[in-house]
Amino acid sequence: MVQCAKAQKKEFSEVIKKELSYTNTGEDRMLEVQNLNGSISVEGYDGDKVLLEVEKIITASTTTDLELGKKEIGVKVFQEGNKLVVYPDSPNMHYKEGRFTSKNCQHWEESPYDHTLNFKVKMPKSNRLKVGAINNGEVLVKNTNGDYVEAHNINGGIELINITGETKVHCINGKVNISYADNPKVASTYYSLNGDINITYQKDLSADIAFKSMNGELFTDFDIAKQFSKTTKNKTGERNVKYKYESRPIVRVGEGGLSFDFETLNGDVIIKKI
């Protein structure tokens, strides 16, 4: 009997460290971190620099392919006005205006190696923040007090702990967990396709909470001041203009006023008070 043993993959890992400074000292400074394969963890602190640690892991079947991955995969940083942008340096992908695209869609070749980049970041806690991940990782943000947080993840969850500010969350396959140190003062949106949204606000919340779901329910321990429906009209098309009317149930907490929009396909929304 002839037995075939599967060759063990070779692995390389290292930690990339960078200390980043803003050239502009304005109060509206923003950090954007995007990732293709791996996790993102961002924590606010009292300093004025962005401290970056990235765990880089390359696996391949041959030494040649491993060396290629070590050479080709890295981290890119650029500053655009008051915004610092951090993202993977990968030969087949291009990053522009918050989106990853193939550099050559007509001649896509599968990489001979696999790579993971796990981002661990400390940033000035008052920064505005945008983070996005795609595969094989979770998104975690904690202890920030800026006026804006935006988080996206396709194949992983999103956790925002002890945050403040306007919030935009979009998650496809994963759970969303959020807790606020101070309630948002402007309208915010929360979306999860396949996963629950668990969110905790301060007890003095006043908001009109809109909810839409195909297979989920809304639960809350806040006192409900009023329930009603709101109909919106959306215009589509340029030449053949069509209007779509959509009615959503609204739950008013406190005095209402602010609009918090929740949407799931296969998941519940659980809203609690601290």
C-alpha atoms as a PDB file:
ATOM      1  CA  MET A   1       0.000   0.000   0.000  1.00  0.00           C
ATOM      2  CA  VAL A   2       1.317   3.422  -0.981  1.00  0.00           C
ATOM      3  CA  GLN A   3       0.434   6.283   1.324  1.00  0.00           C
ATOM      4  CA  CYS A   4       0.640   9.931   0.308  1.00  0.00           C
ATOM      5  CA  ALA A   5       1.418  12.442   3.015  1.00  0.00           C
ATOM      6  CA  LYS A   6       0.196  15.971   2.479  1.00  0.00           C
ATOM      7  CA  ALA A   7       3.071  18.437   2.599  1.00  0.00           C
ATOM      8  CA  GLN A   8       2.993  20.724   5.600  1.00  0.00           C
ATOM      9  CA  LYS A   9       2.641  24.388   4.758  1.00  0.00           C
ATOM     10  CA  LYS A  10       5.464  26.753   5.604  1.00  0.00           C
ATOM     11  CA  GLU A  11       4.711  29.828   7.708  1.00  0.00           C
ATOM     12  CA  PHE A  12       6.327  33.183   8.360  1.00  0.00           C
ATOM     13  CA  SER A  13       5.185  35.811  10.841  1.00  0.00           C
ATOM     14  CA  GLU A  14       6.396  39.199  11.984  1.00  0.00           C
ATOM     15  CA  VAL A  15       5.052  42.325  13.686  1.00  0.00           C
ATOM     16  CA  ILE A  16       5.172  45.603  11.773  1.00  0.00           C
ATOM     17  CA  LYS A  17       5.226  48.702  13.996  1.00  0.00           C
ATOM     18  CA  LYS A  18       4.619  52.278  12.901  1.00  0.00           C
ATOM     19  CA  GLU A  19       4.156  55.564  14.752  1.00  0.00           C
ATOM     20  CA  LEU A  20       2.059  57.998  12.734  1.00  0.00           C
ATOM     21  CA  SER A  21       1.588  61.737  13.230  1.00  0.00           C
ATOM     22  CA  TYR A  22      -0.947  64.150  11.798  1.00  0.00           C
ATOM     23  CA  THR A  23       0.493  67.141   9.963  1.00  0.00           C
ATOM     24  CA  ASN A  24      -2.721  69.026  10.711  1.00  0.00           C
ATOM     25  CA  THR A  25      -3.665  69.597  14.340  1.00  0.00           C
ATOM     26  CA  GLY A  26      -7.353  70.366  13.696  1.00  0.00           C
ATOM     27  CA  GLU A  27     -10.038  68.881  15.899  1.00  0.00           C
ATOM     28  CA  ASP A  28     -11.689  66.994  13.024  1.00  0.00           C
ATOM     29  CA  ARG A  29      -8.839  64.515  12.560  1.00  0.00           C
ATOM     30  CA  MET A  30      -9.887  61.122  11.237  1.00  0.00           C
ATOM     31  CA  LEU A  31      -8.345  57.663  11.061  1.00  0.00           C
ATOM     32  CA  GLU A  32      -9.392  55.090   8.481  1.00  0.00           C
ATOM     33  CA  VAL A  33      -8.232  51.459   8.714  1.00  0.00           C
ATOM     34  CA  GLN A  34      -9.168  48.940   6.011  1.00  0.00           C
ATOM     35  CA  ASN A  35      -8.283  45.239   5.877  1.00  0.00           C
ATOM     36  CA  LEU A  36      -8.721  42.374   3.415  1.00  0.00           C
ATOM     37  CA  ASN A  37      -7.773  39.315   5.490  1.00  0.00           C
ATOM     38  CA  GLY A  38      -7.612  39.615   9.249  1.00  0.00           C
ATOM     39  CA  SER A  39      -8.888  41.554  12.236  1.00  0.00           C
ATOM     40  CA  ILE A  40      -8.917  45.215  13.247  1.00  0.00           C
ATOM     41  CA  SER A  41      -8.667  46.401  16.851  1.00  0.00           C
ATOM     42  CA  VAL A  42      -8.702  50.136  17.631  1.00  0.00           C
ATOM     43  CA  GLU A  43      -8.447  51.666  21.103  1.00  0.00           C
ATOM     44  CA  GLY A  44      -8.589  55.332  22.044  1.00  0.00           C
ATOM     45  CA  TYR A  45      -5.902  56.769  24.331  1.00  0.00           C
ATOM     46  CA  ASP A  46      -4.728  60.158  25.622  1.00  0.00           C
ATOM     47  CA  GLY A  47      -1.776  60.568  23.242  1.00  0.00           C
ATOM     48  CA  ASP A  48      -1.659  62.533  19.969  1.00  0.00           C
ATOM     49  CA  LYS A  49      -0.074  59.913  17.689  1.00  0.00           C
ATOM     50  CA  VAL A  50      -1.467  56.830  15.970  1.00  0.00           C
ATOM     51  CA  LEU A  51       0.393  53.735  17.195  1.00  0.00           C
ATOM     52  CA  LEU A  52       0.184  50.845  14.778  1.00  0.00           C
ATOM     53  CA  GLU A  53       1.084  47.184  15.310  1.00  0.00           C
ATOM     54  CA  VAL A  54       0.309  44.737  12.517  1.00  0.00           C
ATOM     55  CA  GLU A  55       0.785  40.993  12.840  1.00  0.00           C
ATOM     56  CA  LYS A  56       1.742  39.742   9.381  1.00  0.00           C
ATOM     57  CA  ILE A  57       1.326  36.011   8.696  1.00  0.00           C
ATOM     58  CA  ILE A  58       2.280  34.344   5.405  1.00  0.00           C
ATOM     59  CA  THR A  59       1.690  30.656   4.616  1.00  0.00           C
ATOM     60  CA  ALA A  60       2.727  28.803   1.467  1.00  0.00           C
ATOM     61  CA  SER A  61       3.528  25.331   0.181  1.00  0.00           C
ATOM     62  CA  THR A  62       7.054  26.156  -0.957  1.00  0.00           C
ATOM     63  CA  THR A  63       9.910  28.291   0.295  1.00  0.00           C
ATOM     64  CA  THR A  64       9.861  30.253  -2.957  1.00  0.00           C
ATOM     65  CA  ASP A  65       6.198  31.163  -2.570  1.00  0.00           C
ATOM     66  CA  LEU A  66       6.734  32.009   1.094  1.00  0.00           C
ATOM     67  CA  GLU A  67       9.541  34.412   0.205  1.00  0.00           C
ATOM     68  CA  LEU A  68       7.318  35.990  -2.448  1.00  0.00           C
ATOM     69  CA  GLY A  69       4.595  36.607   0.126  1.00  0.00           C
ATOM     70  CA  LYS A  70       7.084  38.088   2.580  1.00  0.00           C
ATOM     71  CA  LYS A  71       8.178  40.509  -0.124  1.00  0.00           C
ATOM     72  CA  GLU A  72       4.799  41.435  -1.590  1.00  0.00           C
ATOM     73  CA  ILE A  73       2.575  41.858   1.484  1.00  0.00           C
ATOM     74  CA  GLY A  74       2.925  44.911   3.682  1.00  0.00           C
ATOM     75  CA  VAL A  75       1.137  47.944   5.074  1.00  0.00           C
ATOM     76  CA  LYS A  76       0.508  51.257   3.336  1.00  0.00           C
ATOM     77  CA  VAL A  77      -0.210  54.617   4.937  1.00  0.00           C
ATOM     78  CA  PHE A  78      -1.125  57.954   3.426  1.00  0.00           C
ATOM     79  CA  GLN A  79      -2.495  61.243   4.689  1.00  0.00           C
ATOM     80  CA  GLU A  80      -5.253  63.141   2.930  1.00  0.00           C
ATOM     81  CA  GLY A  81      -6.043  66.446   4.590  1.00  0.00           C
ATOM     82  CA  ASN A  82      -6.980  65.682   8.187  1.00  0.00           C
ATOM     83  CA  LYS A  83      -7.353  61.951   7.502  1.00  0.00           C
ATOM     84  CA  LEU A  84      -4.802  59.168   7.951  1.00  0.00           C
ATOM     85  CA  VAL A  85      -5.534  56.019   5.931  1.00  0.00           C
ATOM     86  CA  VAL A  86      -3.978  52.626   6.749  1.00  0.00           C
ATOM     87  CA  TYR A  87      -4.503  49.564   4.543  1.00  0.00           C
ATOM     88  CA  PRO A  88      -2.798  46.397   3.197  1.00  0.00           C
ATOM     89  CA  ASP A  89      -0.148  46.633   0.512  1.00  0.00           C
ATOM     90  CA  SER A  90      -1.070  43.769  -1.826  1.00  0.00           C
ATOM     91  CA  PRO A  91      -0.022  43.252  -5.471  1.00  0.00           C
ATOM     92  CA  ASN A  92      -3.460  42.305  -6.807  1.00  0.00           C
ATOM     93  CA  MET A  93      -5.560  44.873  -4.982  1.00  0.00           C
ATOM     94  CA  HIS A  94      -5.991  48.620  -5.259  1.00  0.00           C
ATOM     95  CA  TYR A  95      -7.484  50.871  -2.608  1.00  0.00           C
ATOM     96  CA  LYS A  96      -9.269  54.082  -3.564  1.00  0.00           C
ATOM     97  CA  GLU A  97     -11.904  56.168  -1.784  1.00  0.00           C
ATOM     98  CA  GLY A  98     -12.673  53.508   0.806  1.00  0.00           C
ATOM     99  CA  ARG A  99     -12.970  50.567  -1.579  1.00  0.00           C
ATOM    100  CA  PHE A 100     -10.752  47.645  -2.627  1.00  0.00           C
ATOM    101  CA  THR A 101     -10.698  46.658  -6.303  1.00  0.00           C
ATOM    102  CA  SER A 102      -8.572  44.307  -8.401  1.00  0.00           C
ATOM    103  CA  LYS A 103      -5.668  46.086 -10.049  1.00  0.00           C
ATOM    104  CA  ASN A 104      -6.180  43.980 -13.158  1.00  0.00           C
ATOM    105  CA  CYS A 105      -9.675  42.523 -13.378  1.00  0.00           C
ATOM    106  CA  GLN A 106      -8.992  40.980 -16.792  1.00  0.00           C
ATOM    107  CA  HIS A 107      -5.989  38.911 -15.709  1.00  0.00           C
ATOM    108  CA  TRP A 108      -6.704  37.851 -12.142  1.00  0.00           C
ATOM    109  CA  GLU A 109      -4.315  35.192 -10.863  1.00  0.00           C
ATOM    110  CA  GLU A 110      -4.719  33.264  -7.635  1.00  0.00           C
ATOM    111  CA  SER A 111      -1.961  34.042  -5.182  1.00  0.00           C
ATOM    112  CA  PRO A 112       0.528  31.190  -4.526  1.00  0.00           C
ATOM    113  CA  TYR A 113       0.470  32.058  -0.814  1.00  0.00           C
ATOM    114  CA  ASP A 114      -2.066  33.003   1.866  1.00  0.00           C
ATOM    115  CA  HIS A 115      -1.721  36.059   4.040  1.00  0.00           C
ATOM    116  CA  THR A 116      -3.294  37.531   7.158  1.00  0.00           C
ATOM    117  CA  LEU A 117      -2.785  41.008   8.589  1.00  0.00           C
ATOM    118  CA  ASN A 118      -4.126  41.639  12.093  1.00  0.00           C
ATOM    119  CA  PHE A 119      -4.221  45.372  12.855  1.00  0.00           C
ATOM    120  CA  LYS A 120      -3.867  46.589  16.440  1.00  0.00           C
ATOM    121  CA  VAL A 121      -4.127  50.363  16.690  1.00  0.00           C
ATOM    122  CA  LYS A 122      -4.066  53.025  19.380  1.00  0.00           C
ATOM    123  CA  MET A 123      -5.338  56.439  18.322  1.00  0.00           C
ATOM    124  CA  PRO A 124      -6.131  59.789  19.974  1.00  0.00           C
ATOM    125  CA  LYS A 125      -9.466  59.061  21.637  1.00  0.00           C
ATOM    126  CA  SER A 126     -11.167  62.156  20.189  1.00  0.00           C
ATOM    127  CA  ASN A 127     -10.460  61.100  16.586  1.00  0.00           C
ATOM    128  CA  ARG A 128     -13.198  60.395  14.093  1.00  0.00           C
ATOM    129  CA  LEU A 129     -12.917  56.784  12.912  1.00  0.00           C
ATOM    130  CA  LYS A 130     -13.761  54.562   9.946  1.00  0.00           C
ATOM    131  CA  VAL A 131     -12.845  50.853   9.907  1.00  0.00           C
ATOM    132  CA  GLY A 132     -13.624  48.048   7.481  1.00  0.00           C
ATOM    133  CA  ALA A 133     -12.747  44.338   7.266  1.00  0.00           C
ATOM    134  CA  ILE A 134     -13.628  41.682   4.694  1.00  0.00           C
ATOM    135  CA  ASN A 135     -12.435  38.166   5.589  1.00  0.00           C
ATOM    136  CA  ASN A 136     -11.220  36.124   8.568  1.00  0.00           C
ATOM    137  CA  GLY A 137     -11.399  38.712  11.294  1.00  0.00           C
ATOM    138  CA  GLU A 138     -13.413  40.680  13.821  1.00  0.00           C
ATOM    139  CA  VAL A 139     -13.688  44.453  14.167  1.00  0.00           C
ATOM    140  CA  LEU A 140     -13.222  45.880  17.676  1.00  0.00           C
ATOM    141  CA  VAL A 141     -13.318  49.551  18.697  1.00  0.00           C
ATOM    142  CA  LYS A 142     -13.193  50.696  22.313  1.00  0.00           C
ATOM    143  CA  ASN A 143     -12.797  53.764  24.506  1.00  0.00           C
ATOM    144  CA  THR A 144     -13.227  56.491  21.896  1.00  0.00           C
ATOM    145  CA  ASN A 145     -15.024  59.804  22.424  1.00  0.00           C
ATOM    146  CA  GLY A 146     -14.984  61.303  18.939  1.00  0.00           C
ATOM    147  CA  ASP A 147     -18.121  62.495  17.155  1.00  0.00           C
ATOM    148  CA  TYR A 148     -18.126  59.819  14.405  1.00  0.00           C
ATOM    149  CA  VAL A 149     -17.605  56.038  14.207  1.00  0.00           C
ATOM    150  CA  GLU A 150     -18.190  53.992  11.053  1.00  0.00           C
ATOM    151  CA  ALA A 151     -17.604  50.219  11.034  1.00  0.00           C
ATOM    152  CA  HIS A 152     -18.025  47.607   8.292  1.00  0.00           C
ATOM    153  CA  ASN A 153     -17.380  43.858   8.247  1.00  0.00           C
ATOM    154  CA  ILE A 154     -18.358  41.221   5.702  1.00  0.00           C
ATOM    155  CA  ASN A 155     -17.313  37.907   7.243  1.00  0.00           C
ATOM    156  CA  GLY A 156     -16.976  38.651  10.934  1.00  0.00           C
ATOM    157  CA  GLY A 157     -18.567  40.544  13.784  1.00  0.00           C
ATOM    158  CA  ILE A 158     -18.399  44.149  14.952  1.00  0.00           C
ATOM    159  CA  GLU A 159     -17.938  45.219  18.577  1.00  0.00           C
ATOM    160  CA  LEU A 160     -17.925  48.879  19.628  1.00  0.00           C
ATOM    161  CA  ILE A 161     -17.322  49.338  23.370  1.00  0.00           C
ATOM    162  CA  ASN A 162     -17.592  52.553  25.376  1.00  0.00           C
ATOM    163  CA  ILE A 163     -17.898  54.825  22.341  1.00  0.00           C
ATOM    164  CA  THR A 164     -19.599  58.129  21.534  1.00  0.00           C
ATOM    165  CA  GLY A 165     -20.771  59.992  18.455  1.00  0.00           C
ATOM    166  CA  GLU A 166     -22.695  59.444  15.243  1.00  0.00           C
ATOM    167  CA  THR A 167     -22.558  55.754  14.349  1.00  0.00           C
ATOM    168  CA  LYS A 168     -22.825  53.899  11.054  1.00  0.00           C
ATOM    169  CA  VAL A 169     -22.591  50.104  11.215  1.00  0.00           C
ATOM    170  CA  HIS A 170     -22.862  47.629   8.342  1.00  0.00           C
ATOM    171  CA  CYS A 171     -22.293  43.908   9.010  1.00  0.00           C
ATOM    172  CA  ILE A 172     -23.034  40.970   6.681  1.00  0.00           C
ATOM    173  CA  ASN A 173     -22.127  37.730   8.479  1.00  0.00           C
ATOM    174  CA  GLY A 174     -21.619  38.345  12.175  1.00  0.00           C
ATOM    175  CA  LYS A 175     -23.023  39.758  15.380  1.00  0.00           C
ATOM    176  CA  VAL A 176     -23.010  43.445  16.269  1.00  0.00           C
ATOM    177  CA  ASN A 177     -22.427  44.530  19.894  1.00  0.00           C
ATOM    178  CA  ILE A 178     -22.350  48.221  20.836  1.00  0.00           C
ATOM    179  CA  SER A 179     -22.205  50.133  24.122  1.00  0.00           C
ATOM    180  CA  TYR A 180     -22.233  53.921  24.448  1.00  0.00           C
ATOM    181  CA  ALA A 181     -20.443  56.012  27.054  1.00  0.00           C
ATOM    182  CA  ASP A 182     -22.581  58.910  25.802  1.00  0.00           C
ATOM    183  CA  ASN A 183     -25.578  58.617  23.481  1.00  0.00           C
ATOM    184  CA  PRO A 184     -25.238  59.797  19.860  1.00  0.00           C
ATOM    185  CA  LYS A 185     -26.382  63.381  19.332  1.00  0.00           C
ATOM    186  CA  VAL A 186     -27.180  62.944  15.629  1.00  0.00           C
ATOM    187  CA  ALA A 187     -29.001  60.339  13.529  1.00  0.00           C
ATOM    188  CA  SER A 188     -27.299  56.919  13.327  1.00  0.00           C
ATOM    189  CA  THR A 189     -27.784  53.725  11.297  1.00  0.00           C
ATOM    190  CA  TYR A 190     -27.260  50.053  12.172  1.00  0.00           C
ATOM    191  CA  TYR A 191     -27.443  47.192   9.650  1.00  0.00           C
ATOM    192  CA  SER A 192     -26.826  43.449  10.014  1.00  0.00           C
ATOM    193  CA  LEU A 193     -27.744  40.920   7.342  1.00  0.00           C
ATOM    194  CA  ASN A 194     -27.139  37.676   9.252  1.00  0.00           C
ATOM    195  CA  GLY A 195     -26.734  38.350  12.953  1.00  0.00           C
ATOM    196  CA  ASP A 196     -28.251  40.029  15.988  1.00  0.00           C
ATOM    197  CA  ILE A 197     -27.654  43.636  16.953  1.00  0.00           C
ATOM    198  CA  ASN A 198     -27.137  44.082  20.714  1.00  0.00           C
ATOM    199  CA  ILE A 199     -26.886  47.729  21.702  1.00  0.00           C
ATOM    200  CA  THR A 200     -26.727  49.558  25.029  1.00  0.00           C
ATOM    201  CA  TYR A 201     -27.551  53.257  25.408  1.00  0.00           C
ATOM    202  CA  GLN A 202     -27.401  55.542  28.431  1.00  0.00           C
ATOM    203  CA  LYS A 203     -30.736  55.672  30.273  1.00  0.00           C
ATOM    204  CA  ASP A 204     -31.434  59.303  29.244  1.00  0.00           C
ATOM    205  CA  LEU A 205     -31.949  58.270  25.600  1.00  0.00           C
ATOM    206  CA  SER A 206     -34.436  60.250  23.502  1.00  0.00           C
ATOM    207  CA  ALA A 207     -34.844  58.904  19.977  1.00  0.00           C
ATOM    208  CA  ASP A 208     -37.245  57.679  17.323  1.00  0.00           C
ATOM    209  CA  ILE A 209     -36.167  54.107  16.572  1.00  0.00           C
ATOM    210  CA  ALA A 210     -37.057  52.734  13.140  1.00  0.00           C
ATOM    211  CA  PHE A 211     -36.924  48.970  12.614  1.00  0.00           C
ATOM    212  CA  LYS A 212     -37.047  46.794   9.498  1.00  0.00           C
ATOM    213  CA  SER A 213     -36.485  43.014   9.357  1.00  0.00           C
ATOM    214  CA  MET A 214     -37.629  39.980   7.425  1.00  0.00           C
ATOM    215  CA  ASN A 215     -36.964  37.335  10.096  1.00  0.00           C
ATOM    216  CA  GLY A 216     -36.119  39.290  13.228  1.00  0.00           C
ATOM    217  CA  GLU A 217     -37.756  41.102  16.122  1.00  0.00           C
ATOM    218  CA  LEU A 218     -37.084  44.224  18.184  1.00  0.00           C
ATOM    219  CA  PHE A 219     -36.707  43.983  21.974  1.00  0.00           C
ATOM    220  CA  THR A 220     -36.047  46.789  24.459  1.00  0.00           C
ATOM    221  CA  ASP A 221     -36.197  47.513  28.186  1.00  0.00           C
ATOM    222  CA  PHE A 222     -36.698  51.253  27.595  1.00  0.00           C
ATOM    223  CA  ASP A 223     -40.144  52.675  28.297  1.00  0.00           C
ATOM    224  CA  ILE A 224     -41.991  53.266  25.022  1.00  0.00           C
ATOM    225  CA  ALA A 225     -43.494  56.762  24.819  1.00  0.00           C
ATOM    226  CA  LYS A 226     -45.206  56.265  21.459  1.00  0.00           C
ATOM    227  CA  GLN A 227     -45.467  53.865  18.513  1.00  0.00           C
ATOM    228  CA  PHE A 228     -46.273  54.962  14.971  1.00  0.00           C
ATOM    229  CA  SER A 229     -45.338  54.407  11.314  1.00  0.00           C
ATOM    230  CA  LYS A 230     -43.372  56.643   8.984  1.00  0.00           C
ATOM    231  CA  THR A 231     -43.638  56.508   5.197  1.00  0.00           C
ATOM    232  CA  THR A 232     -40.724  57.586   3.012  1.00  0.00           C
ATOM    233  CA  LYS A 233     -40.669  58.235  -0.735  1.00  0.00           C
ATOM    234  CA  ASN A 234     -37.539  57.192  -2.655  1.00  0.00           C
ATOM    235  CA  LYS A 235     -36.867  58.223  -6.242  1.00  0.00           C
ATOM    236  CA  THR A 236     -35.197  55.749  -8.633  1.00  0.00           C
ATOM    237  CA  GLY A 237     -34.090  56.028 -12.255  1.00  0.00           C
ATOM    238  CA  GLU A 238     -33.081  59.027 -14.352  1.00  0.00           C
ATOM    239  CA  ARG A 239     -35.289  58.866 -17.442  1.00  0.00           C
ATOM    240  CA  ASN A 240     -38.021  56.506 -16.336  1.00  0.00           C
ATOM    241  CA  VAL A 241     -38.496  57.945 -12.893  1.00  0.00           C
ATOM    242  CA  LYS A 242     -40.172  55.698 -10.350  1.00  0.00           C
ATOM    243  CA  TYR A 243     -41.111  56.337  -6.759  1.00  0.00           C
ATOM    244  CA  LYS A 244     -40.987  53.701  -4.055  1.00  0.00           C
ATOM    245  CA  TYR A 245     -43.001  54.217  -0.894  1.00  0.00           C
ATOM    246  CA  GLU A 246     -41.864  52.402   2.224  1.00  0.00           C
ATOM    247  CA  SER A 247     -43.500  52.394   5.638  1.00  0.00           C
ATOM    248  CA  ARG A 248     -41.538  51.523   8.769  1.00  0.00           C
ATOM    249  CA  PRO A 249     -42.691  51.125  12.360  1.00  0.00           C
ATOM    250  CA  ILE A 250     -41.246  53.698  14.756  1.00  0.00           C
ATOM    251  CA  VAL A 251     -40.737  53.304  18.491  1.00  0.00           C
ATOM    252  CA  ARG A 252     -40.293  56.567  20.374  1.00  0.00           C
ATOM    253  CA  VAL A 253     -38.121  56.575  23.480  1.00  0.00           C
ATOM    254  CA  GLY A 254     -38.116  59.615  25.748  1.00  0.00           C
ATOM    255  CA  GLU A 255     -38.864  62.824  23.844  1.00  0.00           C
ATOM    256  CA  GLY A 256     -37.847  61.307  20.495  1.00  0.00           C
ATOM    257  CA  GLY A 257     -36.356  63.606  17.867  1.00  0.00           C
ATOM    258  CA  LEU A 258     -33.190  61.802  16.790  1.00  0.00           C
ATOM    259  CA  SER A 259     -33.619  59.099  14.144  1.00  0.00           C
ATOM    260  CA  PHE A 260     -31.941  55.739  14.836  1.00  0.00           C
ATOM    261  CA  ASP A 261     -32.443  53.344  11.930  1.00  0.00           C
ATOM    262  CA  PHE A 262     -32.099  49.577  12.514  1.00  0.00           C
ATOM    263  CA  GLU A 263     -32.316  46.927   9.789  1.00  0.00           C
ATOM    264  CA  THR A 264     -31.675  43.167   9.751  1.00  0.00           C
ATOM    265  CA  LEU A 265     -32.580  40.271   7.511  1.00  0.00           C
ATOM    266  CA  ASN A 266     -31.936  37.287   9.803  1.00  0.00           C
ATOM    267  CA  GLY A 267     -31.374  38.742  13.235  1.00  0.00           C
ATOM    268  CA  ASP A 268     -32.993  40.404  16.221  1.00  0.00           C
ATOM    269  CA  VAL A 269     -32.340  43.888  17.579  1.00  0.00           C
ATOM    270  CA  ILE A 270     -31.941  44.068  21.369  1.00  0.00           C
ATOM    271  CA  ILE A 271     -31.799  47.601  22.793  1.00  0.00           C
ATOM    272  CA  LYS A 272     -30.948  47.997  26.485  1.00  0.00           C
ATOM    273  CA  LYS A 273     -30.303  50.874  28.879  1.00  0.00           C
ATOM    274  CA  ILE A 274     -27.385  51.282  31.254  1.00  0.00           C
END
